[in-house]
Structures are given as structure tokens and as C-alpha cells.
Amino acid sequence: MYLVSIDTEACTGCGECAASCPAQIITIVDQKVEAAGSGGEQLVHKAQVAGDGDECLGCESCVVVCAVGGVTVQEY
């Protein structure tokens, strides 16, 4: 079994990891984050693992395509 982790601080919401996942366990969601310096919130796109991620094949295609190194896959 594999554990997929998304670093939400690094994630830019580009969607490459979700598009590359053959098991389709990564989705892109909208999250509200505080906009630096504005004192307000903005809506941004972030990746997340759907459900518990048990369907992960361990192929690491999501890791390879993530330009910011925001995805890790660990076997457990």
C-alpha cells in the first residue's frame, strides 16, 4: 500500500498530478487562503488525495510531474 501526501504550502493547483494519476485519486479543490498583505481571503486551487488513497498504484507519476516537489509517495 502507498501513502500519497500533498504539501499544500508548495502546491500551486496546476492539476498536473491529478491529470497524471492512473488511479484518479488526486483531485483539485478550491481552498480559501489568507492573501498576504491584503488582510482578506482569496480562493486558490490545491490538490488533495480523494478518500483514503487506498487505490494508489505507487507509480509515482504524480511525483514526477510536480514541478514544485509538492507530492510524495511512500510505501507502508
N, C-alpha and C. Protein backbone atom coordinates (compact mmCIF):
# COMPACT_ATOMS: atom_id res chain seq x y z
N MET A 1 0.84 -1.18 0.00
CA MET A 1 0.00 0.00 0.00
C MET A 1 0.88 1.24 0.00
N TYR A 2 0.31 2.31 -0.48
CA TYR A 2 1.07 3.55 -0.63
C TYR A 2 0.33 4.72 0.00
N LEU A 3 1.09 5.67 0.50
CA LEU A 3 0.54 6.88 1.08
C LEU A 3 0.98 8.06 0.23
N VAL A 4 0.01 8.76 -0.34
CA VAL A 4 0.28 9.95 -1.15
C VAL A 4 0.07 11.17 -0.26
N SER A 5 1.07 12.05 -0.24
CA SER A 5 0.96 13.28 0.55
C SER A 5 1.12 14.48 -0.36
N ILE A 6 0.29 15.48 -0.13
CA ILE A 6 0.35 16.74 -0.88
C ILE A 6 0.79 17.84 0.07
N ASP A 7 1.86 18.53 -0.27
CA ASP A 7 2.31 19.69 0.51
C ASP A 7 1.49 20.88 0.04
N THR A 8 0.46 21.25 0.82
CA THR A 8 -0.45 22.31 0.39
C THR A 8 0.22 23.68 0.37
N GLU A 9 1.33 23.83 1.07
CA GLU A 9 2.07 25.10 1.01
C GLU A 9 2.78 25.23 -0.34
N ALA A 10 3.30 24.13 -0.84
CA ALA A 10 4.02 24.15 -2.12
C ALA A 10 3.09 24.06 -3.32
N CYS A 11 1.95 23.41 -3.15
CA CYS A 11 1.02 23.15 -4.26
C CYS A 11 0.54 24.44 -4.91
N THR A 12 0.63 24.49 -6.24
CA THR A 12 0.16 25.66 -6.98
C THR A 12 -1.21 25.42 -7.61
N GLY A 13 -1.71 24.19 -7.49
CA GLY A 13 -3.02 23.87 -8.05
C GLY A 13 -3.02 23.73 -9.55
N CYS A 14 -1.88 23.44 -10.14
CA CYS A 14 -1.79 23.35 -11.60
C CYS A 14 -2.56 22.17 -12.18
N GLY A 15 -2.74 21.12 -11.38
CA GLY A 15 -3.51 19.97 -11.82
C GLY A 15 -2.74 18.89 -12.54
N GLU A 16 -1.44 19.06 -12.71
CA GLU A 16 -0.63 18.06 -13.41
C GLU A 16 -0.64 16.72 -12.69
N CYS A 17 -0.58 16.75 -11.36
CA CYS A 17 -0.57 15.49 -10.61
C CYS A 17 -1.89 14.75 -10.79
N ALA A 18 -2.99 15.46 -10.73
CA ALA A 18 -4.31 14.84 -10.89
C ALA A 18 -4.46 14.26 -12.30
N ALA A 19 -3.98 14.98 -13.29
CA ALA A 19 -4.10 14.52 -14.67
C ALA A 19 -3.24 13.29 -14.93
N SER A 20 -2.12 13.17 -14.22
CA SER A 20 -1.20 12.06 -14.47
C SER A 20 -1.55 10.79 -13.69
N CYS A 21 -2.44 10.87 -12.73
CA CYS A 21 -2.73 9.74 -11.84
C CYS A 21 -3.64 8.71 -12.51
N PRO A 22 -3.11 7.51 -12.80
CA PRO A 22 -3.94 6.49 -13.44
C PRO A 22 -5.06 5.97 -12.54
N ALA A 23 -4.88 6.08 -11.22
CA ALA A 23 -5.91 5.63 -10.28
C ALA A 23 -6.93 6.72 -9.99
N GLN A 24 -6.67 7.93 -10.46
CA GLN A 24 -7.55 9.09 -10.29
C GLN A 24 -7.90 9.36 -8.83
N ILE A 25 -6.88 9.30 -7.96
CA ILE A 25 -7.13 9.55 -6.55
C ILE A 25 -6.79 10.98 -6.13
N ILE A 26 -6.23 11.77 -7.06
CA ILE A 26 -5.88 13.15 -6.73
C ILE A 26 -6.88 14.07 -7.42
N THR A 27 -7.43 14.99 -6.65
CA THR A 27 -8.38 15.96 -7.20
C THR A 27 -7.89 17.36 -6.88
N ILE A 28 -8.39 18.32 -7.64
CA ILE A 28 -8.07 19.72 -7.39
C ILE A 28 -9.30 20.37 -6.76
N VAL A 29 -9.10 21.02 -5.63
CA VAL A 29 -10.20 21.66 -4.92
C VAL A 29 -9.89 23.13 -4.70
N ASP A 30 -10.93 23.89 -4.47
CA ASP A 30 -10.76 25.30 -4.14
C ASP A 30 -10.62 25.44 -2.63
N GLN A 31 -9.66 26.24 -2.21
CA GLN A 31 -9.46 26.50 -0.79
C GLN A 31 -9.35 27.99 -0.57
N LYS A 32 -9.86 28.45 0.54
CA LYS A 32 -9.69 29.85 0.90
C LYS A 32 -8.40 29.99 1.69
N VAL A 33 -7.58 30.92 1.26
CA VAL A 33 -6.34 31.20 1.98
C VAL A 33 -6.23 32.70 2.19
N GLU A 34 -5.51 33.07 3.22
CA GLU A 34 -5.33 34.47 3.50
C GLU A 34 -4.36 35.07 2.49
N ALA A 35 -4.77 36.14 1.85
CA ALA A 35 -3.92 36.80 0.87
C ALA A 35 -2.91 37.67 1.61
N ALA A 36 -1.65 37.41 1.37
CA ALA A 36 -0.59 38.13 2.07
C ALA A 36 -0.70 39.63 1.86
N GLY A 37 -0.69 40.35 2.95
CA GLY A 37 -0.69 41.80 2.89
C GLY A 37 -2.04 42.45 2.64
N SER A 38 -3.03 41.68 2.22
CA SER A 38 -4.32 42.29 1.90
C SER A 38 -5.29 42.25 3.06
N GLY A 39 -5.03 41.37 4.03
CA GLY A 39 -5.93 41.24 5.16
C GLY A 39 -7.21 40.51 4.81
N GLY A 40 -7.32 40.03 3.57
CA GLY A 40 -8.51 39.31 3.14
C GLY A 40 -8.19 37.88 2.74
N GLU A 41 -9.20 37.22 2.22
CA GLU A 41 -9.01 35.85 1.76
C GLU A 41 -9.17 35.78 0.26
N GLN A 42 -8.53 34.80 -0.35
CA GLN A 42 -8.71 34.57 -1.77
C GLN A 42 -8.91 33.07 -1.99
N LEU A 43 -9.54 32.75 -3.09
CA LEU A 43 -9.80 31.36 -3.43
C LEU A 43 -8.67 30.86 -4.32
N VAL A 44 -8.04 29.76 -3.94
CA VAL A 44 -6.96 29.18 -4.73
C VAL A 44 -7.25 27.71 -4.97
N HIS A 45 -6.62 27.15 -5.97
CA HIS A 45 -6.77 25.74 -6.28
C HIS A 45 -5.64 24.97 -5.61
N LYS A 46 -5.97 23.84 -5.00
CA LYS A 46 -4.98 22.98 -4.35
C LYS A 46 -5.32 21.53 -4.64
N ALA A 47 -4.30 20.69 -4.68
CA ALA A 47 -4.50 19.25 -4.88
C ALA A 47 -4.81 18.60 -3.55
N GLN A 48 -5.60 17.55 -3.60
CA GLN A 48 -5.83 16.73 -2.41
C GLN A 48 -6.06 15.29 -2.83
N VAL A 49 -5.78 14.39 -1.91
CA VAL A 49 -5.99 12.97 -2.17
C VAL A 49 -7.43 12.64 -1.84
N ALA A 50 -8.12 11.99 -2.79
CA ALA A 50 -9.52 11.63 -2.59
C ALA A 50 -9.62 10.44 -1.65
N GLY A 51 -10.53 10.52 -0.70
CA GLY A 51 -10.74 9.42 0.23
C GLY A 51 -9.48 9.11 1.03
N ASP A 52 -9.19 7.83 1.21
CA ASP A 52 -8.01 7.45 1.97
C ASP A 52 -6.84 7.10 1.07
N GLY A 53 -7.01 7.19 -0.25
CA GLY A 53 -5.92 6.94 -1.17
C GLY A 53 -5.54 5.49 -1.35
N ASP A 54 -6.38 4.58 -0.89
CA ASP A 54 -6.06 3.15 -0.97
C ASP A 54 -5.88 2.63 -2.39
N GLU A 55 -6.36 3.37 -3.35
CA GLU A 55 -6.26 2.92 -4.74
C GLU A 55 -4.92 3.26 -5.39
N CYS A 56 -4.03 3.94 -4.67
CA CYS A 56 -2.74 4.34 -5.22
C CYS A 56 -1.97 3.12 -5.71
N LEU A 57 -1.43 3.21 -6.92
CA LEU A 57 -0.67 2.12 -7.54
C LEU A 57 0.82 2.20 -7.23
N GLY A 58 1.27 3.32 -6.66
CA GLY A 58 2.68 3.50 -6.35
C GLY A 58 3.55 3.84 -7.55
N CYS A 59 2.94 4.26 -8.64
CA CYS A 59 3.69 4.53 -9.87
C CYS A 59 4.52 5.82 -9.80
N GLU A 60 4.15 6.72 -8.89
CA GLU A 60 4.83 8.00 -8.67
C GLU A 60 4.77 8.95 -9.87
N SER A 61 3.80 8.76 -10.76
CA SER A 61 3.67 9.71 -11.88
C SER A 61 3.36 11.11 -11.36
N CYS A 62 2.63 11.19 -10.26
CA CYS A 62 2.30 12.49 -9.67
C CYS A 62 3.55 13.19 -9.14
N VAL A 63 4.46 12.42 -8.59
CA VAL A 63 5.72 12.97 -8.07
C VAL A 63 6.56 13.52 -9.22
N VAL A 64 6.64 12.76 -10.30
CA VAL A 64 7.46 13.13 -11.45
C VAL A 64 6.98 14.43 -12.10
N VAL A 65 5.67 14.60 -12.23
CA VAL A 65 5.17 15.77 -12.95
C VAL A 65 5.05 17.02 -12.09
N CYS A 66 5.17 16.89 -10.77
CA CYS A 66 5.03 18.07 -9.91
C CYS A 66 6.29 18.92 -9.97
N ALA A 67 6.14 20.09 -10.57
CA ALA A 67 7.28 21.00 -10.78
C ALA A 67 7.81 21.60 -9.48
N VAL A 68 6.99 21.62 -8.43
CA VAL A 68 7.40 22.25 -7.18
C VAL A 68 7.75 21.24 -6.09
N GLY A 69 7.74 19.94 -6.42
CA GLY A 69 8.08 18.93 -5.44
C GLY A 69 7.06 18.79 -4.33
N GLY A 70 5.80 19.07 -4.63
CA GLY A 70 4.76 19.09 -3.61
C GLY A 70 4.06 17.76 -3.37
N VAL A 71 4.47 16.70 -4.08
CA VAL A 71 3.80 15.41 -3.93
C VAL A 71 4.84 14.35 -3.55
N THR A 72 4.52 13.56 -2.55
CA THR A 72 5.37 12.44 -2.18
C THR A 72 4.53 11.16 -2.11
N VAL A 73 5.17 10.04 -2.41
CA VAL A 73 4.52 8.73 -2.31
C VAL A 73 5.43 7.85 -1.47
N GLN A 74 4.86 7.28 -0.41
CA GLN A 74 5.63 6.39 0.46
C GLN A 74 4.92 5.05 0.57
N GLU A 75 5.69 3.99 0.53
CA GLU A 75 5.13 2.66 0.73
C GLU A 75 5.04 2.38 2.23
N TYR A 76 3.94 1.77 2.62
CA TYR A 76 3.79 1.40 4.03
C TYR A 76 3.19 0.04 4.18
